[in-house]
Amino acid sequence: GFYSATDADSLTSDGHREEGAFFVWNLEQLTKTLGAEDGALAASVDGATKGGNWEGNTILNLPRSIGEASTEIGVAETEVRQRLVGVRDRLLAARAVRSPPLRDDKMLAAWNGMMLSAYARAAAVLGEGYQPRPPVRGGGVDFTAMATASARFITTKLVEGGKLRRTYKDGRAYGEAYAEDYAFVIAGLIELFEAGGDPVWLEHAIALQAQLETHYSAENGAFYKTASFAEKLLTREIPDRDGAIPSANSVAALNLLRLYQLTSKPAYLARADKLLVAFSKTLAEQPASLAEMMIAVDYRDDTPKQVVLTGTAAAGFGPLMATLRATYLPSSVVVRKSAAAPAERLGKVVGLSAEKEALDGAPTAYVCEESRCELPTSDPKTFARQLGKTKRFKSAAPAPGDQK
């Protein structure tokens, strides 16, 4: 799980509380910690200056490439990269003795759902064993493993009796979940299913969507913030604005549309339409207030690509996966059918995957729209052409004289 937050303030060496004190550096501190030579290296690479970028200090960052920094200080790029590993270890050790900011160690379902989405999407886009540059301690990052651990925490610690809990702390879950908890967790589980192909995560998403539908549905088609069995309030709020965090209804709208594309069950599409109709006046008059829901509107008006990748090995889909990662497909769902995803179990939740087999044992791609598929291919170039075909928008042509 992921804790909620840390304070911005922490104690300085002279006992004063200052915002960012735990994290920031100045040139004197870099030199004292690393010595003159490596201090200058860190300052050049990490953008530290005399004036700083934060109240006289510097939030370390990468304002230019390692190559550009190496040219500036007259040191070969390979040597710079090698030295940076030791530099970062020493800076981390020095920071560890500073007074850390206080931490809010409760774990919220919604925020853990967002972290799950982030790791799962990173896994889908960047692939396994992603190596950040410049090198950092620990080597590559296994995003799928991180996302899977997150999903296991949520589904084993925050789900009780099929219902989601709001908070986990001190070894127990408590508090009735809000609609946003369901929406963000469902979104994360869908992301993880697409990133790894294990149908168990889609099954969890479907089960939680059923709970949201049963206990949070409003008469107008939206979702209430609180459950029907929660504490009775004077009014039950309907989340209707996207702020720093999108509203539950906006996230739920896209979840429903994605579930429809994955399962081919019309009930999800009908429910999404009902939700969007509930907000149609706001969407027409104040679309910026529901920016996240506009993504769902765009998805609904498009004809999303349904991509099925099938192969005999669990290791991956080779060049086909590289092609998919390099293609921008905002309106799409991805299904991975391999030895890691039991075909029978997958077929029960994603009917589109049934009877989709690998050609001659090679990784194979099926590109479909509304369950109608192009010819299967194992050729990355053909796959790229199929993915890049102009999408067929469903929106009706404007009536004569309509200038919009």
Protein backbone atom coordinates (compact mmCIF):
# COMPACT_ATOMS: atom_id res chain seq x y z
CA GLY A 1 0.00 0.00 0.00
CA PHE A 2 0.91 3.65 -0.28
CA TYR A 3 0.72 6.15 2.56
CA SER A 4 -1.30 9.30 2.06
CA ALA A 5 1.16 12.14 2.47
CA THR A 6 4.15 13.75 4.12
CA ASP A 7 4.39 17.25 5.53
CA ALA A 8 6.02 19.91 3.41
CA ASP A 9 7.92 21.24 6.43
CA SER A 10 10.82 19.63 8.27
CA LEU A 11 13.45 20.72 10.77
CA THR A 12 16.66 22.40 9.63
CA SER A 13 20.02 21.77 11.28
CA ASP A 14 19.46 24.79 13.55
CA GLY A 15 16.05 23.56 14.71
CA HIS A 16 13.75 25.73 12.58
CA ARG A 17 10.88 24.36 10.54
CA GLU A 18 11.16 25.18 6.86
CA GLU A 19 9.27 24.02 3.82
CA GLY A 20 11.32 21.56 1.76
CA ALA A 21 14.28 21.54 4.18
CA PHE A 22 14.65 17.75 4.01
CA PHE A 23 14.90 17.72 0.21
CA VAL A 24 16.77 20.81 -0.99
CA TRP A 25 20.52 21.47 -1.37
CA ASN A 26 22.85 24.40 -1.81
CA LEU A 27 26.34 24.54 -3.32
CA GLU A 28 28.03 24.57 0.08
CA GLN A 29 26.20 21.40 1.17
CA LEU A 30 27.06 19.61 -2.09
CA THR A 31 30.73 20.46 -1.71
CA LYS A 32 30.80 19.45 1.97
CA THR A 33 29.10 16.11 1.23
CA LEU A 34 30.84 15.20 -2.04
CA GLY A 35 34.07 17.16 -2.15
CA ALA A 36 34.92 19.90 -4.61
CA GLU A 37 35.16 17.74 -7.76
CA ASP A 38 32.05 15.62 -7.33
CA GLY A 39 30.19 18.57 -5.82
CA ALA A 40 30.77 20.51 -9.04
CA LEU A 41 29.66 17.46 -11.03
CA ALA A 42 26.41 17.17 -9.06
CA ALA A 43 25.77 20.90 -9.32
CA SER A 44 26.18 20.83 -13.10
CA VAL A 45 24.09 17.71 -13.70
CA ASP A 46 21.38 18.46 -11.15
CA GLY A 47 20.95 22.18 -11.84
CA ALA A 48 22.25 23.54 -8.53
CA THR A 49 23.19 27.23 -8.66
CA LYS A 50 24.28 29.93 -6.23
CA GLY A 51 20.85 31.55 -6.27
CA GLY A 52 19.01 28.24 -6.33
CA ASN A 53 15.49 27.58 -7.60
CA TRP A 54 13.72 27.44 -4.25
CA GLU A 55 14.20 30.22 -1.69
CA GLY A 56 17.99 30.30 -2.08
CA ASN A 57 18.36 26.51 -2.25
CA THR A 58 18.02 24.05 -5.13
CA ILE A 59 15.52 21.29 -5.76
CA LEU A 60 17.80 18.91 -7.64
CA ASN A 61 16.56 18.31 -11.19
CA LEU A 62 17.83 17.49 -14.69
CA PRO A 63 17.69 20.73 -16.71
CA ARG A 64 19.67 19.23 -19.61
CA SER A 65 20.98 15.90 -20.81
CA ILE A 66 23.90 14.10 -19.20
CA GLY A 67 25.83 14.58 -22.44
CA GLU A 68 25.38 18.35 -22.33
CA ALA A 69 26.48 18.46 -18.69
CA SER A 70 29.54 16.33 -19.44
CA THR A 71 30.57 18.71 -22.22
CA GLU A 72 30.22 21.68 -19.88
CA ILE A 73 32.52 20.22 -17.21
CA GLY A 74 34.89 18.54 -19.68
CA VAL A 75 34.39 14.96 -18.49
CA ALA A 76 33.48 12.00 -20.73
CA GLU A 77 29.79 11.05 -20.58
CA THR A 78 30.54 7.43 -19.61
CA GLU A 79 32.64 8.63 -16.66
CA VAL A 80 29.91 11.06 -15.61
CA ARG A 81 27.31 8.28 -15.56
CA GLN A 82 29.59 6.01 -13.52
CA ARG A 83 30.38 8.73 -10.98
CA LEU A 84 26.72 9.70 -10.64
CA VAL A 85 25.89 6.33 -9.06
CA GLY A 86 28.28 7.01 -6.18
CA VAL A 87 27.24 10.65 -5.99
CA ARG A 88 23.59 9.74 -5.54
CA ASP A 89 24.41 7.13 -2.89
CA ARG A 90 26.38 9.68 -0.86
CA LEU A 91 23.69 12.35 -1.21
CA LEU A 92 21.05 9.87 -0.14
CA ALA A 93 23.12 8.83 2.88
CA ALA A 94 23.62 12.47 3.84
CA ARG A 95 19.92 13.24 3.48
CA ALA A 96 19.04 10.21 5.62
CA VAL A 97 20.50 11.88 8.73
CA ARG A 98 18.36 14.98 8.25
CA SER A 99 15.11 15.36 10.15
CA PRO A 100 12.44 13.90 7.85
CA PRO A 101 9.01 15.47 7.43
CA LEU A 102 6.15 13.92 9.37
CA ARG A 103 4.20 11.26 7.51
CA ASP A 104 0.46 10.62 7.30
CA ASP A 105 0.50 6.81 7.30
CA LYS A 106 -3.14 6.07 6.62
CA MET A 107 -3.77 4.43 3.23
CA LEU A 108 -6.80 5.59 1.24
CA ALA A 109 -8.44 3.32 -1.31
CA ALA A 110 -8.90 6.03 -3.95
CA TRP A 111 -5.31 7.24 -3.79
CA ASN A 112 -3.97 3.69 -3.85
CA GLY A 113 -6.15 3.12 -6.91
CA MET A 114 -4.46 6.07 -8.61
CA MET A 115 -1.01 4.69 -7.76
CA LEU A 116 -2.08 1.32 -9.16
CA SER A 117 -3.12 3.02 -12.40
CA ALA A 118 0.20 4.86 -12.62
CA TYR A 119 2.33 1.75 -12.18
CA ALA A 120 0.17 -0.35 -14.52
CA ARG A 121 0.24 2.30 -17.25
CA ALA A 122 4.00 2.67 -16.85
CA ALA A 123 4.33 -1.10 -17.29
CA ALA A 124 2.22 -1.02 -20.47
CA VAL A 125 4.09 1.93 -22.00
CA LEU A 126 7.68 1.42 -20.85
CA GLY A 127 7.89 -2.36 -20.59
CA GLU A 128 9.64 -4.55 -18.07
CA GLY A 129 13.08 -3.90 -16.64
CA TYR A 130 12.86 -0.25 -17.60
CA GLN A 131 16.23 1.36 -16.85
CA PRO A 132 16.01 5.00 -15.82
CA ARG A 133 18.83 7.23 -16.93
CA PRO A 134 21.04 8.39 -15.35
CA PRO A 135 21.44 5.08 -13.48
CA VAL A 136 19.99 4.87 -10.01
CA ARG A 137 20.52 2.42 -7.19
CA GLY A 138 18.67 -0.84 -7.73
CA GLY A 139 18.79 -0.89 -11.51
CA GLY A 140 15.64 -1.41 -13.58
CA VAL A 141 12.09 -0.92 -12.35
CA ASP A 142 9.58 -3.77 -12.56
CA PHE A 143 6.40 -1.75 -12.91
CA THR A 144 4.17 -4.80 -13.35
CA ALA A 145 5.43 -6.25 -10.06
CA MET A 146 4.77 -2.95 -8.30
CA ALA A 147 1.27 -2.68 -9.79
CA THR A 148 0.49 -6.31 -8.95
CA ALA A 149 1.63 -5.84 -5.33
CA SER A 150 -0.56 -2.74 -5.12
CA ALA A 151 -3.58 -4.59 -6.51
CA ARG A 152 -3.06 -7.48 -4.07
CA PHE A 153 -2.93 -5.05 -1.17
CA ILE A 154 -6.18 -3.39 -2.24
CA THR A 155 -8.09 -6.61 -2.97
CA THR A 156 -6.93 -8.44 0.17
CA LYS A 157 -6.72 -5.62 2.75
CA LEU A 158 -9.30 -3.08 1.60
CA VAL A 159 -12.08 -5.37 0.36
CA GLU A 160 -14.25 -7.02 3.00
CA GLY A 161 -17.34 -9.04 2.16
CA GLY A 162 -17.13 -7.85 -1.43
CA LYS A 163 -17.31 -4.18 -0.36
CA LEU A 164 -14.47 -1.70 -0.53
CA ARG A 165 -13.27 0.04 2.61
CA ARG A 166 -12.08 3.65 2.62
CA THR A 167 -8.99 3.49 4.87
CA TYR A 168 -6.31 1.06 6.03
CA LYS A 169 -4.12 1.81 9.04
CA ASP A 170 -2.48 -0.10 11.88
CA GLY A 171 -3.31 -3.44 10.32
CA ARG A 172 -7.03 -2.96 9.77
CA ALA A 173 -9.44 -1.53 7.20
CA TYR A 174 -12.27 0.74 8.24
CA GLY A 175 -14.71 3.37 7.00
CA GLU A 176 -17.32 3.08 4.30
CA ALA A 177 -15.86 3.73 0.86
CA TYR A 178 -16.88 6.73 -1.20
CA ALA A 179 -17.74 6.47 -4.89
CA GLU A 180 -14.31 7.86 -5.72
CA ASP A 181 -12.67 4.90 -3.95
CA TYR A 182 -14.55 2.49 -6.17
CA ALA A 183 -13.98 4.51 -9.33
CA PHE A 184 -10.21 4.89 -8.94
CA VAL A 185 -9.65 1.31 -7.80
CA ILE A 186 -11.72 -0.06 -10.70
CA ALA A 187 -9.73 2.11 -13.13
CA GLY A 188 -6.46 0.80 -11.71
CA LEU A 189 -7.58 -2.83 -11.95
CA ILE A 190 -8.59 -2.35 -15.58
CA GLU A 191 -5.18 -0.79 -16.29
CA LEU A 192 -3.42 -3.73 -14.65
CA PHE A 193 -5.46 -6.25 -16.63
CA GLU A 194 -4.50 -4.51 -19.86
CA ALA A 195 -0.84 -4.29 -18.81
CA GLY A 196 -0.44 -7.92 -17.77
CA GLY A 197 -3.38 -9.93 -19.07
CA ASP A 198 -4.30 -11.74 -15.86
CA PRO A 199 -8.12 -12.00 -15.90
CA VAL A 200 -8.32 -12.03 -12.09
CA TRP A 201 -7.88 -8.24 -12.04
CA LEU A 202 -10.68 -7.69 -14.53
CA GLU A 203 -12.88 -9.99 -12.45
CA HIS A 204 -12.18 -7.84 -9.39
CA ALA A 205 -12.99 -4.69 -11.38
CA ILE A 206 -16.31 -6.17 -12.54
CA ALA A 207 -17.23 -7.21 -8.99
CA LEU A 208 -16.48 -3.76 -7.57
CA GLN A 209 -18.40 -2.09 -10.40
CA ALA A 210 -21.42 -4.18 -9.39
CA GLN A 211 -21.09 -2.88 -5.81
CA LEU A 212 -20.86 0.70 -7.06
CA GLU A 213 -23.94 0.19 -9.19
CA THR A 214 -25.96 -1.41 -6.41
CA HIS A 215 -25.18 0.95 -3.56
CA TYR A 216 -24.28 4.32 -5.12
CA SER A 217 -26.58 4.81 -8.13
CA ALA A 218 -28.63 8.01 -8.22
CA GLU A 219 -32.04 8.30 -9.84
CA ASN A 220 -30.76 10.63 -12.57
CA GLY A 221 -28.09 8.18 -13.75
CA ALA A 222 -25.12 9.58 -11.82
CA PHE A 223 -23.44 8.07 -8.76
CA TYR A 224 -23.81 9.43 -5.24
CA LYS A 225 -20.66 10.04 -3.20
CA THR A 226 -21.86 7.86 -0.30
CA ALA A 227 -23.41 4.41 -0.16
CA SER A 228 -27.07 3.68 0.43
CA PHE A 229 -26.16 1.91 3.69
CA ALA A 230 -23.85 4.68 4.94
CA GLU A 231 -24.70 7.26 7.58
CA LYS A 232 -27.86 9.14 6.59
CA LEU A 233 -27.18 12.76 5.66
CA LEU A 234 -29.52 15.67 4.97
CA THR A 235 -28.61 15.29 1.30
CA ARG A 236 -26.51 12.76 -0.60
CA GLU A 237 -23.90 14.59 -2.63
CA ILE A 238 -23.40 13.80 -6.31
CA PRO A 239 -19.76 14.53 -7.31
CA ASP A 240 -20.06 16.89 -10.27
CA ARG A 241 -16.73 18.74 -10.67
CA ASP A 242 -13.24 17.72 -11.72
CA GLY A 243 -10.59 19.49 -9.69
CA ALA A 244 -7.05 18.52 -8.73
CA ILE A 245 -8.51 15.02 -8.48
CA PRO A 246 -11.15 14.00 -11.03
CA SER A 247 -14.64 13.32 -9.74
CA ALA A 248 -15.95 9.83 -9.15
CA ASN A 249 -18.56 10.22 -11.88
CA SER A 250 -15.99 11.24 -14.49
CA VAL A 251 -13.75 8.28 -13.75
CA ALA A 252 -16.72 5.91 -13.55
CA ALA A 253 -17.95 7.00 -16.99
CA LEU A 254 -14.71 5.94 -18.67
CA ASN A 255 -14.56 2.75 -16.58
CA LEU A 256 -17.98 1.73 -17.87
CA LEU A 257 -17.01 2.40 -21.48
CA ARG A 258 -13.82 0.38 -21.13
CA LEU A 259 -15.66 -2.49 -19.47
CA TYR A 260 -18.08 -2.50 -22.39
CA GLN A 261 -15.22 -2.71 -24.90
CA LEU A 262 -13.59 -5.54 -22.94
CA THR A 263 -16.65 -7.63 -22.13
CA SER A 264 -18.97 -6.68 -25.04
CA LYS A 265 -21.85 -6.46 -22.54
CA PRO A 266 -24.33 -3.75 -23.71
CA ALA A 267 -25.40 -3.04 -20.12
CA TYR A 268 -22.12 -1.23 -19.48
CA LEU A 269 -22.58 0.98 -22.53
CA ALA A 270 -26.17 1.77 -21.57
CA ARG A 271 -25.09 2.64 -18.03
CA ALA A 272 -22.32 4.92 -19.31
CA ASP A 273 -24.79 6.70 -21.60
CA LYS A 274 -27.18 7.17 -18.70
CA LEU A 275 -24.38 8.73 -16.64
CA LEU A 276 -23.27 11.06 -19.43
CA VAL A 277 -26.86 12.18 -20.04
CA ALA A 278 -27.10 13.09 -16.35
CA PHE A 279 -24.28 15.59 -16.86
CA SER A 280 -25.14 16.64 -20.42
CA LYS A 281 -26.16 20.19 -19.47
CA THR A 282 -22.90 20.82 -17.59
CA LEU A 283 -20.86 19.19 -20.34
CA ALA A 284 -22.46 21.49 -22.92
CA GLU A 285 -22.32 24.71 -20.91
CA GLN A 286 -19.24 24.29 -18.68
CA PRO A 287 -17.09 21.53 -20.19
CA ALA A 288 -13.92 22.72 -18.41
CA SER A 289 -15.52 21.87 -15.07
CA LEU A 290 -15.74 18.24 -16.17
CA ALA A 291 -12.50 17.92 -18.12
CA GLU A 292 -12.02 14.26 -17.16
CA MET A 293 -15.56 13.39 -18.20
CA MET A 294 -14.88 15.00 -21.59
CA ILE A 295 -12.31 12.22 -22.10
CA ALA A 296 -15.16 9.75 -21.63
CA VAL A 297 -17.31 11.72 -24.10
CA ASP A 298 -14.50 11.58 -26.65
CA TYR A 299 -14.10 7.84 -26.04
CA ARG A 300 -17.86 7.32 -26.45
CA ASP A 301 -18.00 9.26 -29.72
CA ASP A 302 -15.03 7.35 -31.13
CA THR A 303 -14.82 3.74 -32.28
CA PRO A 304 -12.21 2.32 -29.88
CA LYS A 305 -9.67 -0.20 -31.07
CA GLN A 306 -9.89 -3.60 -29.40
CA VAL A 307 -6.41 -5.12 -29.57
CA VAL A 308 -5.90 -8.80 -28.76
CA LEU A 309 -2.33 -10.07 -28.53
CA THR A 310 -1.95 -13.82 -28.39
CA GLY A 311 1.11 -16.02 -28.08
CA THR A 312 2.35 -19.27 -26.63
CA ALA A 313 5.03 -17.82 -24.36
CA ALA A 314 4.55 -15.80 -21.22
CA ALA A 315 7.70 -13.80 -21.86
CA GLY A 316 6.04 -11.21 -24.04
CA PHE A 317 5.01 -10.33 -27.56
CA GLY A 318 8.31 -9.02 -28.92
CA PRO A 319 8.15 -6.55 -31.83
CA LEU A 320 4.33 -6.47 -31.69
CA MET A 321 4.50 -5.10 -28.17
CA ALA A 322 7.11 -2.55 -29.22
CA THR A 323 4.80 -1.42 -32.03
CA LEU A 324 1.86 -1.08 -29.67
CA ARG A 325 3.91 0.89 -27.14
CA ALA A 326 4.98 3.32 -29.87
CA THR A 327 1.38 3.97 -31.01
CA TYR A 328 -0.84 6.58 -29.40
CA LEU A 329 -4.26 4.95 -28.91
CA PRO A 330 -6.32 6.99 -26.44
CA SER A 331 -9.50 5.12 -27.42
CA SER A 332 -8.60 1.47 -27.06
CA VAL A 333 -8.47 -1.62 -24.89
CA VAL A 334 -5.73 -4.24 -24.92
CA VAL A 335 -6.12 -7.95 -24.16
CA ARG A 336 -3.06 -10.17 -23.74
CA LYS A 337 -3.67 -13.87 -24.21
CA SER A 338 -0.67 -16.02 -23.32
CA ALA A 339 0.43 -18.85 -21.07
CA ALA A 340 0.27 -16.37 -18.20
CA ALA A 341 -3.46 -15.79 -18.84
CA PRO A 342 -5.53 -19.01 -18.69
CA ALA A 343 -7.48 -19.03 -21.96
CA GLU A 344 -10.69 -20.51 -20.55
CA ARG A 345 -10.86 -18.09 -17.63
CA LEU A 346 -9.97 -15.16 -19.88
CA GLY A 347 -12.63 -16.16 -22.42
CA LYS A 348 -15.34 -16.08 -19.76
CA VAL A 349 -14.80 -12.40 -19.01
CA VAL A 350 -13.49 -11.25 -22.41
CA GLY A 351 -15.47 -13.05 -25.08
CA LEU A 352 -13.49 -11.23 -27.75
CA SER A 353 -10.42 -13.29 -26.83
CA ALA A 354 -12.09 -16.64 -27.54
CA GLU A 355 -10.78 -18.53 -30.57
CA LYS A 356 -8.03 -15.96 -31.10
CA GLU A 357 -4.96 -18.13 -31.59
CA ALA A 358 -1.32 -17.54 -32.49
CA LEU A 359 -0.34 -18.02 -36.14
CA ASP A 360 2.16 -20.88 -36.41
CA GLY A 361 3.06 -20.41 -32.77
CA ALA A 362 4.30 -16.85 -33.33
CA PRO A 363 3.00 -13.85 -31.35
CA THR A 364 -0.07 -12.61 -33.20
CA ALA A 365 -2.14 -9.44 -33.12
CA TYR A 366 -5.86 -9.02 -33.79
CA VAL A 367 -7.06 -5.43 -34.29
CA CYS A 368 -10.81 -5.14 -33.90
CA GLU A 369 -13.55 -2.51 -33.75
CA GLU A 370 -16.94 -3.37 -32.27
CA SER A 371 -15.77 -7.02 -32.20
CA ARG A 372 -15.13 -7.05 -35.98
CA CYS A 373 -11.49 -7.84 -36.59
CA GLU A 374 -8.85 -7.29 -39.23
CA LEU A 375 -6.95 -10.34 -40.44
CA PRO A 376 -4.56 -11.57 -37.74
CA THR A 377 -0.93 -10.69 -38.26
CA SER A 378 2.49 -11.43 -36.83
CA ASP A 379 4.12 -8.69 -38.89
CA PRO A 380 4.83 -5.48 -36.92
CA LYS A 381 4.47 -3.28 -40.04
CA THR A 382 1.05 -4.72 -40.87
CA PHE A 383 0.08 -4.37 -37.22
CA ALA A 384 1.14 -0.71 -37.25
CA ARG A 385 -0.96 -0.03 -40.37
CA GLN A 386 -4.01 -1.64 -38.77
CA LEU A 387 -3.57 0.40 -35.61
CA GLY A 388 -3.14 3.59 -37.61
CA LYS A 389 -6.24 3.29 -39.75
CA THR A 390 -8.51 6.34 -39.49
CA LYS A 391 -11.06 5.86 -36.78
CA ARG A 392 -14.69 5.77 -37.75
CA PHE A 393 -16.46 8.33 -35.60
CA LYS A 394 -20.06 7.57 -34.74
CA SER A 395 -21.23 11.16 -34.50
CA ALA A 396 -23.91 12.01 -37.00
CA ALA A 397 -23.08 14.37 -39.87
CA PRO A 398 -24.21 17.96 -39.22
CA ALA A 399 -27.62 18.89 -40.53
CA PRO A 400 -27.83 21.29 -43.51
CA GLY A 401 -27.18 24.84 -42.35
CA ASP A 402 -25.56 23.70 -39.08
CA GLN A 403 -22.30 25.63 -38.84
CA LYS A 404 -21.00 24.01 -35.63
